[in-house]
N, C-alpha and C. Protein backbone atom coordinates (compact mmCIF):
# COMPACT_ATOMS: atom_id res chain seq x y z
N MET A 1 21.80 -1.13 6.33
CA MET A 1 20.61 -2.14 7.21
C MET A 1 20.10 -1.16 8.13
N MET A 2 18.90 -1.09 8.35
CA MET A 2 18.01 -0.40 9.68
C MET A 2 18.23 -1.06 10.96
N ASN A 3 18.11 -0.07 12.03
CA ASN A 3 18.21 -0.48 13.09
C ASN A 3 17.28 -1.55 13.59
N ASN A 4 17.32 -2.61 14.01
CA ASN A 4 16.49 -3.58 14.16
C ASN A 4 15.30 -3.47 15.05
N ALA A 5 15.44 -2.56 15.93
CA ALA A 5 14.58 -2.24 16.99
C ALA A 5 13.18 -1.17 16.09
N VAL A 6 13.80 -0.27 15.43
CA VAL A 6 12.65 0.31 14.40
C VAL A 6 12.01 -0.53 13.72
N GLU A 7 12.64 -1.47 13.09
CA GLU A 7 12.13 -2.26 11.86
C GLU A 7 10.97 -3.30 12.55
N ILE A 8 11.48 -3.65 13.86
CA ILE A 8 10.53 -4.65 14.66
C ILE A 8 9.32 -3.72 15.00
N VAL A 9 9.23 -2.62 15.35
CA VAL A 9 8.50 -1.86 15.81
C VAL A 9 7.46 -1.63 14.60
N GLY A 10 7.95 -1.34 13.58
CA GLY A 10 7.25 -1.10 12.31
C GLY A 10 6.53 -2.18 11.52
N ALA A 11 7.02 -3.48 11.77
CA ALA A 11 6.32 -4.82 11.65
C ALA A 11 5.33 -5.13 12.42
N VAL A 12 5.51 -4.78 13.83
CA VAL A 12 4.30 -5.00 14.68
C VAL A 12 3.22 -4.23 14.23
N ILE A 13 3.41 -2.84 14.12
CA ILE A 13 2.45 -1.98 13.52
C ILE A 13 1.57 -2.31 12.22
N GLY A 14 2.67 -2.82 11.48
CA GLY A 14 2.37 -3.60 10.28
C GLY A 14 1.38 -4.58 10.13
N LEU A 15 1.56 -5.36 11.21
CA LEU A 15 0.55 -6.66 11.58
C LEU A 15 -0.58 -5.86 12.08
N ALA A 16 -0.85 -5.21 12.81
CA ALA A 16 -1.93 -4.66 13.44
C ALA A 16 -2.68 -3.78 12.11
N TYR A 17 -1.83 -3.12 11.17
CA TYR A 17 -2.59 -2.57 10.09
C TYR A 17 -2.99 -3.31 9.04
N ILE A 18 -2.45 -4.41 8.56
CA ILE A 18 -2.96 -5.39 7.72
C ILE A 18 -4.31 -6.26 8.46
N VAL A 19 -4.45 -6.51 9.50
CA VAL A 19 -5.57 -7.15 10.31
C VAL A 19 -6.77 -6.15 10.14
N SER A 20 -6.52 -4.73 10.36
CA SER A 20 -7.45 -3.79 10.49
C SER A 20 -7.79 -3.50 8.98
N GLU A 21 -6.95 -3.68 8.27
CA GLU A 21 -7.64 -3.29 6.83
C GLU A 21 -8.44 -4.37 6.07
N TYR A 22 -7.99 -5.70 6.52
CA TYR A 22 -8.68 -6.95 6.30
C TYR A 22 -10.25 -6.53 6.68
N ARG A 23 -10.38 -6.16 7.95
CA ARG A 23 -11.63 -5.89 8.83
C ARG A 23 -12.26 -4.60 8.51
N ALA A 24 -11.39 -3.87 7.58
CA ALA A 24 -12.29 -2.43 7.07
C ALA A 24 -12.69 -1.91 8.16
N ASP A 25 -11.91 -1.83 9.29
CA ASP A 25 -12.32 -1.23 10.48
C ASP A 25 -11.84 0.30 10.97
N ARG A 26 -12.19 1.10 11.59
CA ARG A 26 -11.71 2.40 11.58
C ARG A 26 -10.62 2.63 11.99
N TRP A 27 -9.66 1.70 12.81
CA TRP A 27 -8.41 1.80 13.17
C TRP A 27 -7.60 1.68 11.97
N PHE A 28 -7.98 1.28 10.76
CA PHE A 28 -7.02 1.09 9.55
C PHE A 28 -6.13 2.19 9.07
N TRP A 29 -6.75 3.39 8.98
CA TRP A 29 -6.17 4.60 8.64
C TRP A 29 -5.22 5.17 9.74
N PRO A 30 -5.64 5.32 11.09
CA PRO A 30 -4.67 5.99 11.78
C PRO A 30 -3.28 4.71 12.08
N LEU A 31 -3.74 3.39 11.61
CA LEU A 31 -2.26 2.68 11.82
C LEU A 31 -1.68 2.85 10.69
N SER A 32 -2.50 3.17 9.54
CA SER A 32 -1.82 3.49 8.07
C SER A 32 -1.00 4.68 8.54
N LEU A 33 -1.46 5.72 8.99
CA LEU A 33 -0.46 6.81 8.97
C LEU A 33 0.95 6.64 10.06
N LEU A 34 0.57 5.75 10.91
CA LEU A 34 1.94 5.27 11.97
C LEU A 34 2.69 4.41 11.20
N MET A 35 2.20 3.47 10.58
CA MET A 35 3.17 2.61 9.51
C MET A 35 3.89 3.30 8.64
N SER A 36 2.93 4.18 8.14
CA SER A 36 3.98 4.97 6.82
C SER A 36 4.89 5.81 7.55
N ALA A 37 4.89 6.14 8.85
CA ALA A 37 5.84 7.22 9.34
C ALA A 37 7.45 6.24 9.77
N PHE A 38 6.85 4.92 10.18
CA PHE A 38 7.96 4.11 10.29
C PHE A 38 8.82 3.78 9.02
N TYR A 39 7.93 3.48 7.91
CA TYR A 39 8.66 2.89 6.81
C TYR A 39 9.46 4.12 5.90
N ILE A 40 8.98 5.15 6.24
CA ILE A 40 9.84 6.36 5.60
C ILE A 40 11.12 6.20 6.17
N VAL A 41 11.23 6.22 7.39
CA VAL A 41 12.73 5.79 8.13
C VAL A 41 13.33 4.70 7.81
N ILE A 42 12.71 3.37 7.75
CA ILE A 42 13.24 2.17 7.34
C ILE A 42 13.58 2.46 5.82
N ASP A 43 12.71 2.82 4.87
CA ASP A 43 12.96 2.68 3.58
C ASP A 43 14.30 3.73 3.14
N PHE A 44 14.02 4.88 3.46
CA PHE A 44 15.56 5.86 3.09
C PHE A 44 16.51 5.18 3.81
N SER A 45 16.47 4.50 5.05
CA SER A 45 17.83 4.45 5.54
C SER A 45 18.50 3.00 4.72
N SER A 46 17.46 2.41 4.07
CA SER A 46 17.73 1.46 3.23
C SER A 46 18.13 1.30 2.06
N GLY A 47 18.03 2.43 1.56
CA GLY A 47 18.06 2.69 0.09
C GLY A 47 17.02 2.40 -1.02
N ILE A 48 15.86 2.17 -0.15
CA ILE A 48 14.76 1.73 -1.10
C ILE A 48 14.02 3.28 -1.27
N TYR A 49 14.45 3.94 -2.20
CA TYR A 49 13.94 5.34 -2.18
C TYR A 49 12.44 5.72 -2.72
N ALA A 50 12.54 5.10 -3.75
CA ALA A 50 10.86 5.26 -4.42
C ALA A 50 9.76 4.91 -3.28
N ASN A 51 10.38 3.59 -2.69
CA ASN A 51 9.37 3.15 -1.90
C ASN A 51 9.12 4.28 -0.47
N GLY A 52 10.61 4.71 0.13
CA GLY A 52 10.23 5.46 0.90
C GLY A 52 9.37 6.87 0.61
N ALA A 53 9.32 7.20 -0.62
CA ALA A 53 8.92 8.51 -1.25
C ALA A 53 7.06 8.11 -1.11
N ILE A 54 7.13 6.86 -1.36
CA ILE A 54 5.70 6.30 -1.43
C ILE A 54 4.97 6.03 -0.09
N CYS A 55 5.76 6.07 0.97
CA CYS A 55 5.19 5.98 2.23
C CYS A 55 4.84 7.53 2.53
N CYS A 56 5.54 8.44 2.17
CA CYS A 56 5.25 9.77 2.24
C CYS A 56 3.80 10.08 1.63
N TYR A 57 3.58 9.51 0.50
CA TYR A 57 2.55 9.53 -0.29
C TYR A 57 1.35 9.00 0.48
N ASN A 58 1.73 7.68 0.91
CA ASN A 58 0.54 6.95 1.91
C ASN A 58 0.24 7.54 2.93
N PHE A 59 1.16 8.51 3.73
CA PHE A 59 0.57 9.18 4.90
C PHE A 59 -0.34 10.17 4.54
N VAL A 60 -0.22 10.72 3.30
CA VAL A 60 -1.20 12.00 2.94
C VAL A 60 -2.21 11.16 2.67
N MET A 61 -2.47 9.83 1.93
CA MET A 61 -3.76 9.38 1.49
C MET A 61 -4.46 8.75 2.41
N SER A 62 -3.66 8.46 3.57
CA SER A 62 -4.29 7.90 4.79
C SER A 62 -5.22 9.14 5.62
N ILE A 63 -4.82 10.48 5.69
CA ILE A 63 -5.80 11.45 6.02
C ILE A 63 -6.80 11.18 4.88
N TYR A 64 -6.51 11.39 3.48
CA TYR A 64 -7.74 11.54 2.63
C TYR A 64 -8.57 9.88 2.96
N GLY A 65 -7.92 8.82 3.28
CA GLY A 65 -8.72 7.69 3.48
C GLY A 65 -9.64 7.93 4.52
N ILE A 66 -9.22 8.58 5.66
CA ILE A 66 -9.97 8.49 6.85
C ILE A 66 -11.20 9.60 6.57
N LEU A 67 -10.99 11.00 5.60
CA LEU A 67 -12.36 11.73 5.23
C LEU A 67 -13.11 10.68 4.39
N VAL A 68 -12.67 9.90 3.30
CA VAL A 68 -13.67 9.27 2.49
C VAL A 68 -14.33 8.07 3.20
N TRP A 69 -13.60 7.41 3.81
CA TRP A 69 -14.41 6.16 4.69
C TRP A 69 -15.20 6.60 5.50
N ARG A 70 -15.16 8.06 6.27
CA ARG A 70 -16.31 8.53 6.90
C ARG A 70 -17.00 9.25 6.52
N GLY A 71 -16.90 9.45 5.00
CA GLY A 71 -18.29 10.13 4.20
C GLY A 71 -18.15 11.23 4.41
N VAL A 72 -17.07 11.92 4.88
CA VAL A 72 -17.03 13.47 5.08
C VAL A 72 -16.57 14.09 3.58
N LEU A 73 -15.93 12.87 2.85
CA LEU A 73 -15.69 13.48 1.25
C LEU A 73 -16.15 12.69 0.19
N GLY A 74 -16.79 13.04 -0.62
CA GLY A 74 -17.25 12.18 -1.95
C GLY A 74 -18.58 11.70 -1.72
N ARG A 75 -19.12 11.86 -0.59
CA ARG A 75 -20.82 11.35 -0.71
C ARG A 75 -21.68 12.69 0.02
N LYS A 76 -22.64 12.67 -0.57
CA LYS A 76 -23.66 13.53 -0.08
C LYS A 76 -24.26 13.28 1.01
N ASP A 77 -24.60 12.18 1.10
CA ASP A 77 -25.27 11.88 2.30
C ASP A 77 -24.42 11.56 3.58
N ARG A 78 -23.19 11.66 3.45
CA ARG A 78 -22.18 11.79 4.47
C ARG A 78 -22.04 10.25 5.43
N ALA A 79 -22.73 9.44 4.72
CA ALA A 79 -22.43 8.01 5.34
C ALA A 79 -21.27 7.21 4.76
N ALA A 80 -21.07 6.55 5.88
CA ALA A 80 -19.54 5.59 5.72
C ALA A 80 -19.70 4.99 4.13
N ARG A 81 -18.43 4.80 3.29
CA ARG A 81 -18.25 4.43 2.20
C ARG A 81 -18.46 2.95 2.33
N PRO A 82 -19.32 2.29 1.51
CA PRO A 82 -19.45 0.81 1.59
C PRO A 82 -17.94 0.46 0.69
N ILE A 83 -17.90 -1.03 0.93
CA ILE A 83 -17.08 -1.68 -0.15
C ILE A 83 -17.63 -2.22 -1.30
N SER A 84 -16.82 -1.65 -2.56
CA SER A 84 -17.66 -1.93 -3.55
C SER A 84 -16.64 -2.57 -4.65
N SER A 85 -17.20 -2.33 -5.84
CA SER A 85 -16.10 -2.77 -6.92
C SER A 85 -15.63 -1.71 -7.77
N CYS A 86 -14.54 -1.69 -8.29
CA CYS A 86 -14.02 -0.58 -9.16
C CYS A 86 -14.71 -0.56 -10.87
N PRO A 87 -15.19 0.48 -10.99
CA PRO A 87 -15.85 0.47 -12.29
C PRO A 87 -15.06 0.31 -13.27
N ARG A 88 -15.51 -0.52 -14.32
CA ARG A 88 -14.97 -0.86 -15.39
C ARG A 88 -14.10 0.53 -16.19
N ARG A 89 -14.79 1.50 -16.08
CA ARG A 89 -14.28 2.60 -16.85
C ARG A 89 -12.84 3.42 -16.29
N HIS A 90 -12.32 2.64 -15.04
CA HIS A 90 -11.44 3.03 -14.26
C HIS A 90 -10.27 2.18 -14.77
N TRP A 91 -10.85 0.94 -15.31
CA TRP A 91 -9.45 0.08 -15.56
C TRP A 91 -8.48 0.67 -16.35
N PRO A 92 -8.76 1.05 -17.54
CA PRO A 92 -7.64 1.51 -18.35
C PRO A 92 -6.84 2.53 -17.92
N TRP A 93 -7.36 3.66 -17.07
CA TRP A 93 -6.57 4.48 -16.59
C TRP A 93 -5.84 4.23 -15.57
N LEU A 94 -6.37 3.08 -14.70
CA LEU A 94 -5.55 2.67 -13.52
C LEU A 94 -4.41 2.05 -14.12
N ILE A 95 -4.57 0.98 -15.28
CA ILE A 95 -3.14 0.26 -15.78
C ILE A 95 -2.18 1.16 -16.39
N ALA A 96 -2.62 2.30 -16.95
CA ALA A 96 -1.70 3.24 -17.80
C ALA A 96 -1.09 3.86 -16.69
N ALA A 97 -1.67 4.27 -15.59
CA ALA A 97 -1.10 5.14 -14.55
C ALA A 97 0.07 4.19 -13.95
N THR A 98 -0.08 2.89 -13.53
CA THR A 98 0.58 1.98 -13.36
C THR A 98 1.92 1.94 -14.13
N ALA A 99 1.48 1.49 -15.39
CA ALA A 99 2.94 1.55 -16.14
C ALA A 99 3.41 3.13 -16.22
N LEU A 100 3.03 3.94 -16.61
CA LEU A 100 3.93 4.89 -16.57
C LEU A 100 4.75 5.55 -15.39
N LEU A 101 3.92 5.28 -14.27
CA LEU A 101 4.50 5.66 -13.08
C LEU A 101 5.63 4.76 -12.62
N ALA A 102 5.83 3.42 -12.99
CA ALA A 102 6.82 2.19 -12.54
C ALA A 102 7.73 2.82 -13.85
N VAL A 103 7.67 3.16 -15.16
CA VAL A 103 9.02 3.60 -15.92
C VAL A 103 9.10 5.14 -15.29
N ALA A 104 8.73 6.06 -15.03
CA ALA A 104 9.08 6.90 -14.54
C ALA A 104 9.86 6.99 -13.29
N PHE A 105 9.62 6.17 -12.25
CA PHE A 105 10.37 5.86 -10.79
C PHE A 105 11.76 5.10 -11.49
N TYR A 106 11.48 4.12 -12.25
CA TYR A 106 12.90 3.52 -12.68
C TYR A 106 13.81 4.45 -12.74
N PHE A 107 13.40 5.15 -13.95
CA PHE A 107 14.44 6.13 -14.74
C PHE A 107 15.00 7.26 -13.77
N ILE A 108 14.15 7.44 -12.42
CA ILE A 108 14.52 8.76 -11.84
C ILE A 108 15.52 8.29 -10.84
N LEU A 109 15.13 6.84 -10.45
CA LEU A 109 15.91 6.12 -9.30
C LEU A 109 17.42 5.85 -10.26
N LEU A 110 17.53 5.59 -11.19
CA LEU A 110 18.73 5.56 -11.74
C LEU A 110 19.48 6.77 -11.86
N GLN A 111 19.10 7.99 -11.80
CA GLN A 111 19.61 9.31 -11.70
C GLN A 111 20.06 9.67 -10.59
N LEU A 112 19.44 9.20 -9.43
CA LEU A 112 19.83 9.20 -8.21
C LEU A 112 21.83 9.11 -7.83
N PRO A 113 21.93 10.32 -7.01
CA PRO A 113 23.54 10.16 -6.91
C PRO A 113 23.66 9.04 -5.67
N ASN A 114 22.87 8.79 -4.57
CA ASN A 114 23.30 7.69 -3.76
C ASN A 114 22.31 6.52 -4.39
N GLU A 115 22.82 5.68 -5.03
CA GLU A 115 22.32 4.53 -5.93
C GLU A 115 20.96 3.98 -5.15
N SER A 116 20.00 3.96 -5.98
CA SER A 116 18.85 3.04 -5.23
C SER A 116 19.26 1.49 -5.13
N SER A 117 18.87 0.90 -4.45
CA SER A 117 19.32 -0.54 -3.96
C SER A 117 18.76 -1.37 -5.22
N TYR A 118 17.60 -1.45 -5.51
CA TYR A 118 16.96 -2.12 -6.50
C TYR A 118 15.75 -1.13 -7.35
N PRO A 119 16.46 -0.41 -8.28
CA PRO A 119 15.35 0.49 -8.79
C PRO A 119 14.39 -0.16 -9.70
N LEU A 120 14.34 -1.39 -10.31
CA LEU A 120 13.57 -1.90 -11.16
C LEU A 120 12.20 -2.25 -10.11
N LEU A 121 12.66 -3.09 -9.28
CA LEU A 121 11.65 -3.69 -8.09
C LEU A 121 10.98 -2.34 -7.37
N ASP A 122 12.02 -1.46 -7.03
CA ASP A 122 11.53 -0.39 -6.23
C ASP A 122 10.32 0.45 -6.88
N GLY A 123 10.78 0.48 -8.33
CA GLY A 123 10.02 1.48 -9.20
C GLY A 123 8.59 0.85 -9.31
N ILE A 124 8.59 -0.35 -9.77
CA ILE A 124 7.27 -1.17 -10.07
C ILE A 124 6.36 -1.28 -9.09
N SER A 125 7.15 -1.72 -7.58
CA SER A 125 6.08 -1.75 -6.31
C SER A 125 5.74 -0.51 -6.16
N SER A 126 6.42 0.58 -6.29
CA SER A 126 5.78 2.02 -5.84
C SER A 126 4.80 2.43 -6.53
N ALA A 127 4.93 2.09 -8.25
CA ALA A 127 3.83 2.71 -8.96
C ALA A 127 2.32 1.98 -8.50
N LEU A 128 2.80 0.20 -8.23
CA LEU A 128 1.33 -0.19 -7.78
C LEU A 128 0.98 0.24 -6.55
N THR A 129 1.83 0.49 -5.66
CA THR A 129 1.52 1.40 -4.36
C THR A 129 0.41 2.60 -4.49
N ILE A 130 0.99 3.48 -5.33
CA ILE A 130 0.45 4.54 -5.67
C ILE A 130 -1.25 4.09 -5.96
N VAL A 131 -1.43 3.36 -6.97
CA VAL A 131 -2.85 3.05 -7.49
C VAL A 131 -3.51 1.99 -6.57
N ALA A 132 -2.69 1.13 -5.74
CA ALA A 132 -3.45 0.51 -4.79
C ALA A 132 -4.14 1.24 -3.49
N MET A 133 -3.33 2.21 -3.01
CA MET A 133 -3.92 3.20 -2.21
C MET A 133 -4.93 3.91 -2.60
N PHE A 134 -5.11 4.45 -3.70
CA PHE A 134 -6.10 5.09 -4.30
C PHE A 134 -7.11 4.28 -4.37
N MET A 135 -7.09 2.92 -4.66
CA MET A 135 -8.33 2.18 -4.72
C MET A 135 -8.77 1.73 -3.32
N LEU A 136 -7.81 1.68 -2.60
CA LEU A 136 -8.01 1.52 -1.35
C LEU A 136 -8.84 2.53 -0.36
N ALA A 137 -8.55 3.63 -0.80
CA ALA A 137 -9.26 4.82 -0.48
C ALA A 137 -10.69 5.01 -0.63
N ARG A 138 -10.95 4.49 -2.08
CA ARG A 138 -12.36 4.59 -2.81
C ARG A 138 -12.98 3.23 -1.97
N LYS A 139 -12.44 2.23 -1.57
CA LYS A 139 -12.84 1.03 -0.96
C LYS A 139 -13.11 0.15 -1.91
N TRP A 140 -12.48 0.09 -3.03
CA TRP A 140 -12.71 -1.01 -4.09
C TRP A 140 -11.91 -2.08 -3.65
N TRP A 141 -12.92 -3.46 -3.70
CA TRP A 141 -12.05 -4.53 -3.39
C TRP A 141 -10.82 -5.14 -4.35
N GLN A 142 -10.91 -4.55 -5.45
CA GLN A 142 -9.70 -4.89 -6.28
C GLN A 142 -8.34 -4.58 -5.98
N GLN A 143 -8.28 -3.54 -4.84
CA GLN A 143 -6.97 -2.93 -4.47
C GLN A 143 -6.26 -4.10 -4.00
N TRP A 144 -6.95 -5.24 -3.34
CA TRP A 144 -6.09 -6.35 -2.79
C TRP A 144 -5.15 -7.01 -4.17
N ILE A 145 -5.74 -6.99 -5.22
CA ILE A 145 -5.15 -7.65 -6.58
C ILE A 145 -3.92 -6.86 -6.60
N CYS A 146 -3.94 -5.39 -6.57
CA CYS A 146 -2.43 -4.75 -6.92
C CYS A 146 -1.46 -5.38 -5.33
N TRP A 147 -1.99 -5.18 -4.23
CA TRP A 147 -1.15 -5.65 -3.26
C TRP A 147 -0.58 -7.01 -3.34
N MET A 148 -1.55 -7.71 -3.99
CA MET A 148 -0.87 -9.14 -4.05
C MET A 148 0.54 -9.23 -4.93
N ILE A 149 0.54 -8.18 -6.02
CA ILE A 149 1.75 -8.16 -6.87
C ILE A 149 2.67 -7.56 -5.91
N VAL A 150 2.21 -6.42 -5.14
CA VAL A 150 3.14 -5.51 -4.48
C VAL A 150 4.18 -6.26 -3.51
N GLU A 151 3.50 -7.20 -2.69
CA GLU A 151 3.94 -8.24 -1.63
C GLU A 151 5.22 -8.75 -1.89
N PRO A 152 5.25 -9.77 -2.80
CA PRO A 152 6.36 -10.50 -3.42
C PRO A 152 7.71 -9.59 -3.60
N LEU A 153 7.29 -8.42 -4.53
CA LEU A 153 8.38 -7.45 -4.78
C LEU A 153 9.18 -6.91 -3.42
N MET A 154 8.10 -6.64 -2.59
CA MET A 154 8.53 -6.01 -1.62
C MET A 154 9.61 -7.11 -0.27
N ILE A 155 9.08 -8.11 -0.38
CA ILE A 155 9.62 -9.35 0.30
C ILE A 155 11.09 -9.18 -0.41
N ALA A 156 10.99 -9.30 -1.52
CA ALA A 156 12.67 -9.50 -2.26
C ALA A 156 13.52 -8.51 -1.69
N ILE A 157 13.03 -7.23 -2.00
CA ILE A 157 13.60 -5.99 -1.74
C ILE A 157 14.18 -5.89 -0.27
N PHE A 158 13.34 -6.46 0.69
CA PHE A 158 13.46 -6.12 1.94
C PHE A 158 14.58 -7.54 2.32
N TRP A 159 14.42 -8.57 1.96
CA TRP A 159 15.20 -9.67 2.07
C TRP A 159 16.57 -9.04 1.40
N LEU A 160 16.75 -8.67 0.46
CA LEU A 160 18.27 -8.44 0.21
C LEU A 160 18.52 -7.30 0.45
N THR A 161 17.83 -6.37 1.20
CA THR A 161 18.55 -5.27 1.94
C THR A 161 18.85 -5.45 3.43
N GLY A 162 18.56 -6.69 3.67
CA GLY A 162 18.69 -7.32 5.15
C GLY A 162 17.71 -6.99 6.12
N ASN A 163 16.41 -6.24 5.35
CA ASN A 163 15.50 -5.89 6.56
C ASN A 163 14.56 -7.33 6.65
N TYR A 164 15.07 -8.24 7.52
CA TYR A 164 14.40 -9.52 7.49
C TYR A 164 12.90 -9.69 8.43
N ALA A 165 12.70 -8.55 9.48
CA ALA A 165 11.29 -8.45 10.07
C ALA A 165 10.70 -7.99 8.98
N SER A 166 10.74 -6.91 8.22
CA SER A 166 9.95 -6.46 7.16
C SER A 166 9.62 -7.60 6.20
N ALA A 167 10.80 -8.25 5.68
CA ALA A 167 10.47 -9.14 4.64
C ALA A 167 9.29 -10.37 5.23
N ALA A 168 9.52 -10.63 6.82
CA ALA A 168 8.39 -11.41 7.26
C ALA A 168 7.07 -10.71 7.26
N LEU A 169 6.86 -9.53 7.39
CA LEU A 169 5.78 -9.10 7.53
C LEU A 169 5.29 -8.90 6.27
N TYR A 170 5.88 -8.69 5.34
CA TYR A 170 5.30 -8.70 3.87
C TYR A 170 4.69 -10.08 3.34
N VAL A 171 5.30 -11.38 3.80
CA VAL A 171 4.75 -12.58 3.75
C VAL A 171 3.40 -12.65 4.35
N VAL A 172 3.28 -12.11 5.69
CA VAL A 172 2.05 -12.11 6.23
C VAL A 172 1.14 -11.15 5.34
N PHE A 173 1.54 -10.26 5.01
CA PHE A 173 0.82 -9.28 3.85
C PHE A 173 0.14 -10.05 2.60
N GLU A 174 0.80 -10.94 2.49
CA GLU A 174 0.45 -11.39 0.84
C GLU A 174 -0.39 -12.41 1.26
N VAL A 175 -0.46 -13.36 2.54
CA VAL A 175 -1.36 -14.16 2.70
C VAL A 175 -3.05 -13.40 3.16
N MET A 176 -2.71 -12.40 3.76
CA MET A 176 -3.77 -11.39 4.03
C MET A 176 -4.19 -10.74 2.86
N CYS A 177 -3.82 -10.67 2.11
CA CYS A 177 -4.23 -10.11 0.15
C CYS A 177 -5.26 -11.20 -0.09
N VAL A 178 -4.90 -12.72 0.13
CA VAL A 178 -5.89 -13.74 -0.36
C VAL A 178 -7.27 -13.67 0.38
N LEU A 179 -6.91 -13.61 1.89
CA LEU A 179 -8.14 -13.41 2.65
C LEU A 179 -8.82 -12.16 2.34
N GLY A 180 -8.21 -11.31 2.21
CA GLY A 180 -8.92 -9.64 1.64
C GLY A 180 -9.92 -9.79 0.57
N ILE A 181 -9.19 -10.47 -0.49
CA ILE A 181 -9.80 -10.31 -1.47
C ILE A 181 -11.45 -11.27 -1.33
N ILE A 182 -11.05 -12.27 -0.64
CA ILE A 182 -12.51 -13.15 -0.44
C ILE A 182 -13.32 -12.41 0.42
N ARG A 183 -12.94 -11.77 1.41
CA ARG A 183 -14.01 -11.23 2.32
C ARG A 183 -14.59 -9.73 1.54
N TRP A 184 -13.37 -8.82 1.19
CA TRP A 184 -13.94 -7.75 0.47
C TRP A 184 -14.93 -7.96 -0.70
N ARG A 185 -14.63 -8.97 -1.44
CA ARG A 185 -15.48 -9.14 -2.64
C ARG A 185 -16.66 -9.61 -2.51
N ARG A 186 -16.71 -10.64 -1.24
CA ARG A 186 -17.93 -11.04 -0.99
C ARG A 186 -19.14 -9.90 -0.51
N GLU A 187 -18.42 -8.86 0.35
CA GLU A 187 -19.15 -7.86 1.05
C GLU A 187 -19.40 -6.58 -0.20
N ALA A 188 -18.43 -6.48 -1.27
CA ALA A 188 -19.09 -5.76 -2.28
C ALA A 188 -20.14 -6.64 -2.84
N LEU A 189 -19.88 -7.70 -3.13
CA LEU A 189 -21.55 -8.61 -3.97
C LEU A 189 -22.50 -8.28 -3.03
N LYS A 190 -22.40 -8.66 -1.77
CA LYS A 190 -23.45 -8.29 -0.88
C LYS A 190 -24.30 -6.90 -1.12
N GLY A 191 -23.51 -5.83 -1.31
CA GLY A 191 -23.71 -4.54 -1.63
C GLY A 191 -24.47 -4.25 -2.62
N GLU A 192 -24.09 -4.83 -3.86
CA GLU A 192 -24.71 -4.87 -5.13
C GLU A 192 -25.83 -5.65 -5.19
N ALA A 193 -26.13 -6.55 -4.43
CA ALA A 193 -27.44 -7.26 -4.63
C ALA A 193 -28.45 -6.65 -4.04
């Protein structure tokens, strides 16, 4: 079980993180960096190894996200990236990547000498997180759909490992996913009109 103070601070940062993601504001990526750092500690100390590794990935993707959202990468005009829809041609690759990553994580977690607490849940949630972070960095509204699947898995994992503040945080994340889909989709449709 994680130190309660670290977990509570991580959860408070997580609340600020999800609100800033919903609003698509400039504080989102710095908060993502900070939350990732806290959850690296929380996850590894709780035996949630794949998700802990994914928090390392999220840390790096947060740096990438800052550069993409500010228009430094991927845009010739250097303008901030607008919220948009994921092109259909990407869906088969995103689904295949999710499935392959989930299977790979599951089998890797089964091989660890320090047994992963919940390898199947940890593997699936980690695979979806990789795909969702990629989609989030591209500012595609459908990233919220991935998170809607991840959050219940993480609620279960955190609850079962005794990380109750984190489980409560992910309940809030699930509610924010619904609100995020509505808001981001509306913004994407406005931009396409």
